Full PDB file with SEQRES, HELIX, SHEET, SSBOND, CRYST1, ORIGX, SCALE, CONECT and MASTER records, all heavy atoms in Angstrom:
SEQRES   1 A   36  SER SER HIS ASP VAL ASP ASN ALA ALA VAL VAL GLN GLY          
SEQRES   2 A   36  SER LEU THR ALA GLY ALA PRO LYS GLN GLY PRO TYR ASP          
SEQRES   3 A   36  VAL ILE VAL LEU GLN GLY ALA ALA GLU HIS                      
HELIX    1 AA1 PRO A   20  GLN A   22  5                                   3    
CRYST1    1.000    1.000    1.000  90.00  90.00  90.00 P 1           1          
ORIGX1      1.000000  0.000000  0.000000        0.00000                         
ORIGX2      0.000000  1.000000  0.000000        0.00000                         
ORIGX3      0.000000  0.000000  1.000000        0.00000                         
SCALE1      1.000000  0.000000  0.000000        0.00000                         
SCALE2      0.000000  1.000000  0.000000        0.00000                         
SCALE3      0.000000  0.000000  1.000000        0.00000                         
ATOM      1  N   SER A   1      21.052 -13.799  60.311  1.00  0.00           N  
ATOM      2  CA  SER A   1      20.903 -14.010  61.752  1.00  0.00           C  
ATOM      3  C   SER A   1      22.199 -14.514  62.379  1.00  0.00           C  
ATOM      4  O   SER A   1      22.562 -14.119  63.491  1.00  0.00           O  
ATOM      5  CB  SER A   1      19.764 -14.992  62.036  1.00  0.00           C  
ATOM      6  OG  SER A   1      18.526 -14.471  61.588  1.00  0.00           O  
ATOM      7  N   SER A   2      22.915 -15.378  61.665  1.00  0.00           N  
ATOM      8  CA  SER A   2      24.164 -15.931  62.207  1.00  0.00           C  
ATOM      9  C   SER A   2      25.236 -14.869  62.369  1.00  0.00           C  
ATOM     10  O   SER A   2      26.178 -15.038  63.149  1.00  0.00           O  
ATOM     11  CB  SER A   2      24.670 -17.059  61.309  1.00  0.00           C  
ATOM     12  OG  SER A   2      25.163 -16.558  60.083  1.00  0.00           O  
ATOM     13  N   HIS A   3      25.073 -13.753  61.643  1.00  0.00           N  
ATOM     14  CA  HIS A   3      26.024 -12.646  61.767  1.00  0.00           C  
ATOM     15  C   HIS A   3      25.415 -11.457  62.517  1.00  0.00           C  
ATOM     16  O   HIS A   3      25.918 -10.329  62.412  1.00  0.00           O  
ATOM     17  CB  HIS A   3      26.513 -12.217  60.381  1.00  0.00           C  
ATOM     18  CG  HIS A   3      27.428 -13.215  59.741  1.00  0.00           C  
ATOM     19  ND1 HIS A   3      28.717 -13.442  60.182  1.00  0.00           N  
ATOM     20  CD2 HIS A   3      27.242 -14.079  58.715  1.00  0.00           C  
ATOM     21  CE1 HIS A   3      29.284 -14.379  59.440  1.00  0.00           C  
ATOM     22  NE2 HIS A   3      28.403 -14.789  58.548  1.00  0.00           N  
ATOM     23  N   ASP A   4      24.338 -11.732  63.244  1.00  0.00           N  
ATOM     24  CA  ASP A   4      23.704 -10.722  64.105  1.00  0.00           C  
ATOM     25  C   ASP A   4      23.256  -9.476  63.343  1.00  0.00           C  
ATOM     26  O   ASP A   4      23.323  -8.352  63.864  1.00  0.00           O  
ATOM     27  CB  ASP A   4      24.657 -10.314  65.247  1.00  0.00           C  
ATOM     28  CG  ASP A   4      25.001 -11.487  66.152  1.00  0.00           C  
ATOM     29  OD1 ASP A   4      24.113 -12.298  66.434  1.00  0.00           O  
ATOM     30  OD2 ASP A   4      26.166 -11.584  66.584  1.00  0.00           O  
ATOM     31  N   VAL A   5      22.796  -9.674  62.113  1.00  0.00           N  
ATOM     32  CA  VAL A   5      22.216  -8.566  61.355  1.00  0.00           C  
ATOM     33  C   VAL A   5      20.749  -8.469  61.749  1.00  0.00           C  
ATOM     34  O   VAL A   5      19.900  -9.194  61.233  1.00  0.00           O  
ATOM     35  CB  VAL A   5      22.368  -8.791  59.838  1.00  0.00           C  
ATOM     36  CG1 VAL A   5      21.777  -7.618  59.064  1.00  0.00           C  
ATOM     37  CG2 VAL A   5      23.832  -8.999  59.461  1.00  0.00           C  
ATOM     38  N   ASP A   6      20.451  -7.590  62.704  1.00  0.00           N  
ATOM     39  CA  ASP A   6      19.105  -7.551  63.265  1.00  0.00           C  
ATOM     40  C   ASP A   6      18.267  -6.387  62.749  1.00  0.00           C  
ATOM     41  O   ASP A   6      17.141  -6.184  63.218  1.00  0.00           O  
ATOM     42  CB  ASP A   6      19.175  -7.504  64.796  1.00  0.00           C  
ATOM     43  CG  ASP A   6      20.003  -6.334  65.321  1.00  0.00           C  
ATOM     44  OD1 ASP A   6      20.424  -5.480  64.492  1.00  0.00           O  
ATOM     45  OD2 ASP A   6      20.234  -6.271  66.541  1.00  0.00           O  
ATOM     46  N   ASN A   7      18.779  -5.627  61.791  1.00  0.00           N  
ATOM     47  CA  ASN A   7      17.991  -4.536  61.206  1.00  0.00           C  
ATOM     48  C   ASN A   7      17.656  -4.827  59.742  1.00  0.00           C  
ATOM     49  O   ASN A   7      17.662  -3.944  58.883  1.00  0.00           O  
ATOM     50  CB  ASN A   7      18.715  -3.202  61.338  1.00  0.00           C  
ATOM     51  CG  ASN A   7      20.034  -3.166  60.580  1.00  0.00           C  
ATOM     52  OD1 ASN A   7      20.709  -4.185  60.453  1.00  0.00           O  
ATOM     53  ND2 ASN A   7      20.408  -1.993  60.081  1.00  0.00           N  
ATOM     54  N   ALA A   8      17.394  -6.117  59.469  1.00  0.00           N  
ATOM     55  CA  ALA A   8      17.012  -6.540  58.125  1.00  0.00           C  
ATOM     56  C   ALA A   8      16.072  -7.728  58.220  1.00  0.00           C  
ATOM     57  O   ALA A   8      16.148  -8.523  59.164  1.00  0.00           O  
ATOM     58  CB  ALA A   8      18.241  -6.915  57.295  1.00  0.00           C  
ATOM     59  N   ALA A   9      15.189  -7.830  57.236  1.00  0.00           N  
ATOM     60  CA  ALA A   9      14.266  -8.962  57.162  1.00  0.00           C  
ATOM     61  C   ALA A   9      14.152  -9.397  55.709  1.00  0.00           C  
ATOM     62  O   ALA A   9      14.107  -8.554  54.803  1.00  0.00           O  
ATOM     63  CB  ALA A   9      12.896  -8.587  57.695  1.00  0.00           C  
ATOM     64  N   VAL A  10      14.121 -10.709  55.492  1.00  0.00           N  
ATOM     65  CA  VAL A  10      13.968 -11.253  54.146  1.00  0.00           C  
ATOM     66  C   VAL A  10      12.535 -11.738  53.984  1.00  0.00           C  
ATOM     67  O   VAL A  10      12.047 -12.532  54.788  1.00  0.00           O  
ATOM     68  CB  VAL A  10      14.943 -12.419  53.899  1.00  0.00           C  
ATOM     69  CG1 VAL A  10      14.889 -12.859  52.436  1.00  0.00           C  
ATOM     70  CG2 VAL A  10      16.373 -12.021  54.275  1.00  0.00           C  
ATOM     71  N   VAL A  11      11.846 -11.244  52.965  1.00  0.00           N  
ATOM     72  CA  VAL A  11      10.463 -11.630  52.719  1.00  0.00           C  
ATOM     73  C   VAL A  11      10.372 -12.337  51.380  1.00  0.00           C  
ATOM     74  O   VAL A  11      11.165 -12.092  50.463  1.00  0.00           O  
ATOM     75  CB  VAL A  11       9.521 -10.407  52.748  1.00  0.00           C  
ATOM     76  CG1 VAL A  11       9.560  -9.723  54.100  1.00  0.00           C  
ATOM     77  CG2 VAL A  11       9.861  -9.419  51.640  1.00  0.00           C  
ATOM     78  N   GLN A  12       9.425 -13.239  51.276  1.00  0.00           N  
ATOM     79  CA  GLN A  12       9.232 -13.992  50.042  1.00  0.00           C  
ATOM     80  C   GLN A  12       8.206 -13.295  49.169  1.00  0.00           C  
ATOM     81  O   GLN A  12       7.142 -12.869  49.637  1.00  0.00           O  
ATOM     82  CB  GLN A  12       8.761 -15.413  50.342  1.00  0.00           C  
ATOM     83  CG  GLN A  12       8.628 -16.283  49.093  1.00  0.00           C  
ATOM     84  CD  GLN A  12       8.191 -17.706  49.414  1.00  0.00           C  
ATOM     85  OE1 GLN A  12       7.846 -18.005  50.547  1.00  0.00           O  
ATOM     86  NE2 GLN A  12       8.216 -18.581  48.429  1.00  0.00           N  
ATOM     87  N   GLY A  13       8.525 -13.167  47.893  1.00  0.00           N  
ATOM     88  CA  GLY A  13       7.591 -12.552  46.971  1.00  0.00           C  
ATOM     89  C   GLY A  13       8.227 -12.333  45.619  1.00  0.00           C  
ATOM     90  O   GLY A  13       9.436 -12.543  45.430  1.00  0.00           O  
ATOM     91  N   SER A  14       7.438 -11.915  44.674  1.00  0.00           N  
ATOM     92  CA  SER A  14       7.920 -11.637  43.339  1.00  0.00           C  
ATOM     93  C   SER A  14       8.835 -10.414  43.359  1.00  0.00           C  
ATOM     94  O   SER A  14       8.491  -9.383  43.946  1.00  0.00           O  
ATOM     95  CB  SER A  14       6.741 -11.375  42.401  1.00  0.00           C  
ATOM     96  OG  SER A  14       7.180 -10.805  41.188  1.00  0.00           O  
ATOM     97  N   LEU A  15       9.988 -10.534  42.710  1.00  0.00           N  
ATOM     98  CA  LEU A  15      10.908  -9.396  42.672  1.00  0.00           C  
ATOM     99  C   LEU A  15      10.302  -8.227  41.910  1.00  0.00           C  
ATOM    100  O   LEU A  15      10.569  -7.065  42.235  1.00  0.00           O  
ATOM    101  CB  LEU A  15      12.232  -9.808  42.032  1.00  0.00           C  
ATOM    102  CG  LEU A  15      13.008 -10.946  42.701  1.00  0.00           C  
ATOM    103  CD1 LEU A  15      14.375 -11.113  42.033  1.00  0.00           C  
ATOM    104  CD2 LEU A  15      13.154 -10.722  44.190  1.00  0.00           C  
ATOM    105  N   THR A  16       9.502  -8.513  40.909  1.00  0.00           N  
ATOM    106  CA  THR A  16       8.901  -7.432  40.122  1.00  0.00           C  
ATOM    107  C   THR A  16       7.769  -6.737  40.870  1.00  0.00           C  
ATOM    108  O   THR A  16       7.362  -5.642  40.496  1.00  0.00           O  
ATOM    109  CB  THR A  16       8.373  -7.963  38.780  1.00  0.00           C  
ATOM    110  OG1 THR A  16       7.414  -9.007  39.030  1.00  0.00           O  
ATOM    111  CG2 THR A  16       9.501  -8.504  37.919  1.00  0.00           C  
ATOM    112  N   ALA A  17       7.265  -7.375  41.934  1.00  0.00           N  
ATOM    113  CA  ALA A  17       6.197  -6.773  42.736  1.00  0.00           C  
ATOM    114  C   ALA A  17       6.737  -6.063  43.966  1.00  0.00           C  
ATOM    115  O   ALA A  17       6.072  -5.203  44.548  1.00  0.00           O  
ATOM    116  CB  ALA A  17       5.182  -7.840  43.155  1.00  0.00           C  
ATOM    117  N   GLY A  18       7.962  -6.437  44.399  1.00  0.00           N  
ATOM    118  CA  GLY A  18       8.545  -5.796  45.568  1.00  0.00           C  
ATOM    119  C   GLY A  18       7.881  -6.218  46.866  1.00  0.00           C  
ATOM    120  O   GLY A  18       7.370  -7.331  46.989  1.00  0.00           O  
ATOM    121  N   ALA A  19       7.878  -5.298  47.815  1.00  0.00           N  
ATOM    122  CA  ALA A  19       7.272  -5.546  49.132  1.00  0.00           C  
ATOM    123  C   ALA A  19       6.511  -4.303  49.556  1.00  0.00           C  
ATOM    124  O   ALA A  19       6.950  -3.549  50.432  1.00  0.00           O  
ATOM    125  CB  ALA A  19       8.347  -5.912  50.154  1.00  0.00           C  
ATOM    126  N   PRO A  20       5.357  -4.061  48.937  1.00  0.00           N  
ATOM    127  CA  PRO A  20       4.631  -2.802  49.179  1.00  0.00           C  
ATOM    128  C   PRO A  20       4.147  -2.623  50.608  1.00  0.00           C  
ATOM    129  O   PRO A  20       4.051  -1.492  51.084  1.00  0.00           O  
ATOM    130  CB  PRO A  20       3.449  -2.885  48.198  1.00  0.00           C  
ATOM    131  CG  PRO A  20       3.314  -4.342  47.866  1.00  0.00           C  
ATOM    132  CD  PRO A  20       4.691  -4.905  47.926  1.00  0.00           C  
ATOM    133  N   LYS A  21       3.865  -3.720  51.314  1.00  0.00           N  
ATOM    134  CA  LYS A  21       3.360  -3.595  52.684  1.00  0.00           C  
ATOM    135  C   LYS A  21       4.378  -2.955  53.614  1.00  0.00           C  
ATOM    136  O   LYS A  21       4.013  -2.293  54.588  1.00  0.00           O  
ATOM    137  CB  LYS A  21       2.946  -4.967  53.223  1.00  0.00           C  
ATOM    138  CG  LYS A  21       1.716  -5.550  52.557  1.00  0.00           C  
ATOM    139  CD  LYS A  21       1.336  -6.883  53.190  1.00  0.00           C  
ATOM    140  CE  LYS A  21       0.098  -7.461  52.532  1.00  0.00           C  
ATOM    141  NZ  LYS A  21      -0.280  -8.779  53.124  1.00  0.00           N  
ATOM    142  N   GLN A  22       5.668  -3.173  53.339  1.00  0.00           N  
ATOM    143  CA  GLN A  22       6.718  -2.630  54.198  1.00  0.00           C  
ATOM    144  C   GLN A  22       7.200  -1.252  53.724  1.00  0.00           C  
ATOM    145  O   GLN A  22       7.988  -0.614  54.411  1.00  0.00           O  
ATOM    146  CB  GLN A  22       7.907  -3.594  54.241  1.00  0.00           C  
ATOM    147  CG  GLN A  22       7.648  -4.885  55.004  1.00  0.00           C  
ATOM    148  CD  GLN A  22       6.892  -5.927  54.187  1.00  0.00           C  
ATOM    149  OE1 GLN A  22       6.694  -5.759  52.988  1.00  0.00           O  
ATOM    150  NE2 GLN A  22       6.462  -6.999  54.831  1.00  0.00           N  
ATOM    151  N   GLY A  23       6.730  -0.794  52.577  1.00  0.00           N  
ATOM    152  CA  GLY A  23       7.179   0.477  52.010  1.00  0.00           C  
ATOM    153  C   GLY A  23       6.373   1.659  52.514  1.00  0.00           C  
ATOM    154  O   GLY A  23       5.549   1.499  53.418  1.00  0.00           O  
ATOM    155  N   PRO A  24       6.603   2.831  51.952  1.00  0.00           N  
ATOM    156  CA  PRO A  24       7.531   3.127  50.860  1.00  0.00           C  
ATOM    157  C   PRO A  24       8.975   3.198  51.345  1.00  0.00           C  
ATOM    158  O   PRO A  24       9.245   3.221  52.540  1.00  0.00           O  
ATOM    159  CB  PRO A  24       7.033   4.479  50.345  1.00  0.00           C  
ATOM    160  CG  PRO A  24       6.466   5.143  51.568  1.00  0.00           C  
ATOM    161  CD  PRO A  24       5.832   4.033  52.364  1.00  0.00           C  
ATOM    162  N   TYR A  25       9.910   3.259  50.380  1.00  0.00           N  
ATOM    163  CA  TYR A  25      11.323   3.157  50.676  1.00  0.00           C  
ATOM    164  C   TYR A  25      12.080   4.405  50.240  1.00  0.00           C  
ATOM    165  O   TYR A  25      11.731   5.054  49.249  1.00  0.00           O  
ATOM    166  CB  TYR A  25      11.914   1.937  49.951  1.00  0.00           C  
ATOM    167  CG  TYR A  25      11.219   0.652  50.335  1.00  0.00           C  
ATOM    168  CD1 TYR A  25      10.181   0.154  49.557  1.00  0.00           C  
ATOM    169  CD2 TYR A  25      11.579  -0.047  51.478  1.00  0.00           C  
ATOM    170  CE1 TYR A  25       9.517  -1.023  49.912  1.00  0.00           C  
ATOM    171  CE2 TYR A  25      10.925  -1.213  51.848  1.00  0.00           C  
ATOM    172  CZ  TYR A  25       9.892  -1.685  51.063  1.00  0.00           C  
ATOM    173  OH  TYR A  25       9.232  -2.843  51.428  1.00  0.00           O  
ATOM    174  N   ASP A  26      13.120   4.708  51.001  1.00  0.00           N  
ATOM    175  CA  ASP A  26      14.008   5.805  50.625  1.00  0.00           C  
ATOM    176  C   ASP A  26      14.902   5.403  49.462  1.00  0.00           C  
ATOM    177  O   ASP A  26      15.248   6.233  48.617  1.00  0.00           O  
ATOM    178  CB  ASP A  26      14.893   6.201  51.814  1.00  0.00           C  
ATOM    179  CG  ASP A  26      14.093   6.683  53.002  1.00  0.00           C  
ATOM    180  OD1 ASP A  26      13.553   7.806  52.940  1.00  0.00           O  
ATOM    181  OD2 ASP A  26      13.997   5.923  53.995  1.00  0.00           O  
ATOM    182  N   VAL A  27      15.283   4.115  49.453  1.00  0.00           N  
ATOM    183  CA  VAL A  27      16.205   3.607  48.437  1.00  0.00           C  
ATOM    184  C   VAL A  27      15.747   2.212  48.011  1.00  0.00           C  
ATOM    185  O   VAL A  27      15.328   1.411  48.847  1.00  0.00           O  
ATOM    186  CB  VAL A  27      17.653   3.515  48.976  1.00  0.00           C  
ATOM    187  CG1 VAL A  27      18.589   2.925  47.923  1.00  0.00           C  
ATOM    188  CG2 VAL A  27      18.151   4.879  49.433  1.00  0.00           C  
ATOM    189  N   ILE A  28      15.836   1.925  46.712  1.00  0.00           N  
ATOM    190  CA  ILE A  28      15.572   0.581  46.177  1.00  0.00           C  
ATOM    191  C   ILE A  28      16.765   0.182  45.329  1.00  0.00           C  
ATOM    192  O   ILE A  28      17.254   0.976  44.511  1.00  0.00           O  
ATOM    193  CB  ILE A  28      14.280   0.543  45.341  1.00  0.00           C  
ATOM    194  CG1 ILE A  28      13.061   0.886  46.207  1.00  0.00           C  
ATOM    195  CG2 ILE A  28      14.099  -0.828  44.691  1.00  0.00           C  
ATOM    196  CD1 ILE A  28      11.755   0.975  45.437  1.00  0.00           C  
ATOM    197  N   VAL A  29      17.239  -1.045  45.516  1.00  0.00           N  
ATOM    198  CA  VAL A  29      18.345  -1.548  44.705  1.00  0.00           C  
ATOM    199  C   VAL A  29      17.949  -2.902  44.109  1.00  0.00           C  
ATOM    200  O   VAL A  29      17.217  -3.666  44.724  1.00  0.00           O  
ATOM    201  CB  VAL A  29      19.647  -1.685  45.524  1.00  0.00           C  
ATOM    202  CG1 VAL A  29      20.120  -0.329  46.006  1.00  0.00           C  
ATOM    203  CG2 VAL A  29      19.463  -2.613  46.706  1.00  0.00           C  
ATOM    204  N   LEU A  30      18.453  -3.175  42.914  1.00  0.00           N  
ATOM    205  CA  LEU A  30      18.223  -4.449  42.242  1.00  0.00           C  
ATOM    206  C   LEU A  30      19.558  -5.159  42.082  1.00  0.00           C  
ATOM    207  O   LEU A  30      20.510  -4.590  41.530  1.00  0.00           O  
ATOM    208  CB  LEU A  30      17.573  -4.237  40.874  1.00  0.00           C  
ATOM    209  CG  LEU A  30      17.374  -5.493  40.021  1.00  0.00           C  
ATOM    210  CD1 LEU A  30      16.371  -6.444  40.670  1.00  0.00           C  
ATOM    211  CD2 LEU A  30      16.914  -5.121  38.607  1.00  0.00           C  
ATOM    212  N   GLN A  31      19.632  -6.408  42.554  1.00  0.00           N  
ATOM    213  CA  GLN A  31      20.877  -7.171  42.501  1.00  0.00           C  
ATOM    214  C   GLN A  31      20.971  -7.953  41.193  1.00  0.00           C  
ATOM    215  O   GLN A  31      20.773  -9.159  41.143  1.00  0.00           O  
ATOM    216  CB  GLN A  31      20.966  -8.100  43.717  1.00  0.00           C  
ATOM    217  CG  GLN A  31      20.903  -7.390  45.047  1.00  0.00           C  
ATOM    218  CD  GLN A  31      22.017  -6.369  45.225  1.00  0.00           C  
ATOM    219  OE1 GLN A  31      23.125  -6.544  44.712  1.00  0.00           O  
ATOM    220  NE2 GLN A  31      21.742  -5.313  45.962  1.00  0.00           N  
ATOM    221  N   GLY A  32      21.281  -7.244  40.141  1.00  0.00           N  
ATOM    222  CA  GLY A  32      21.363  -7.815  38.805  1.00  0.00           C  
ATOM    223  C   GLY A  32      20.935  -6.760  37.807  1.00  0.00           C  
ATOM    224  O   GLY A  32      20.701  -5.607  38.162  1.00  0.00           O  
ATOM    225  N   ALA A  33      20.849  -7.162  36.551  1.00  0.00           N  
ATOM    226  CA  ALA A  33      20.511  -6.200  35.503  1.00  0.00           C  
ATOM    227  C   ALA A  33      19.024  -6.254  35.165  1.00  0.00           C  
ATOM    228  O   ALA A  33      18.311  -7.196  35.522  1.00  0.00           O  
ATOM    229  CB  ALA A  33      21.352  -6.474  34.255  1.00  0.00           C  
ATOM    230  N   ALA A  34      18.576  -5.211  34.478  1.00  0.00           N  
ATOM    231  CA  ALA A  34      17.176  -5.123  34.045  1.00  0.00           C  
ATOM    232  C   ALA A  34      17.122  -4.486  32.663  1.00  0.00           C  
ATOM    233  O   ALA A  34      17.994  -3.688  32.306  1.00  0.00           O  
ATOM    234  CB  ALA A  34      16.357  -4.304  35.028  1.00  0.00           C  
ATOM    235  N   GLU A  35      16.124  -4.866  31.900  1.00  0.00           N  
ATOM    236  CA  GLU A  35      15.851  -4.184  30.640  1.00  0.00           C  
ATOM    237  C   GLU A  35      14.739  -3.164  30.809  1.00  0.00           C  
ATOM    238  O   GLU A  35      14.626  -2.222  30.023  1.00  0.00           O  
ATOM    239  CB  GLU A  35      15.486  -5.204  29.564  1.00  0.00           C  
ATOM    240  CG  GLU A  35      16.656  -6.113  29.194  1.00  0.00           C  
ATOM    241  CD  GLU A  35      16.310  -7.171  28.172  1.00  0.00           C  
ATOM    242  OE1 GLU A  35      15.107  -7.500  28.024  1.00  0.00           O  
ATOM    243  OE2 GLU A  35      17.247  -7.674  27.511  1.00  0.00           O  
ATOM    244  N   HIS A  36      13.927  -3.368  31.836  1.00  0.00           N  
ATOM    245  CA  HIS A  36      12.909  -2.369  32.171  1.00  0.00           C  
ATOM    246  C   HIS A  36      12.600  -2.503  33.658  1.00  0.00           C  
ATOM    247  O   HIS A  36      12.907  -3.517  34.292  1.00  0.00           O  
ATOM    248  CB  HIS A  36      11.638  -2.567  31.343  1.00  0.00           C  
ATOM    249  CG  HIS A  36      10.704  -3.593  31.918  1.00  0.00           C  
ATOM    250  ND1 HIS A  36       9.477  -3.267  32.457  1.00  0.00           N  
ATOM    251  CD2 HIS A  36      10.839  -4.935  32.092  1.00  0.00           C  
ATOM    252  CE1 HIS A  36       8.899  -4.379  32.913  1.00  0.00           C  
ATOM    253  NE2 HIS A  36       9.691  -5.395  32.711  1.00  0.00           N  
TER     254      HIS A  36                                                      
MASTER        0    0    0    1    0    0    0    6  253    1    0    3          
END                                                                             
């Protein structure tokens, strides 16, 4: 918000569950590594 990024929202939830209510998504990215 302090940098006027108004086309993004941060939601609280499990990273492994995602945010299904706001989906589906064209692209999904994970900020870190995964084994599965």
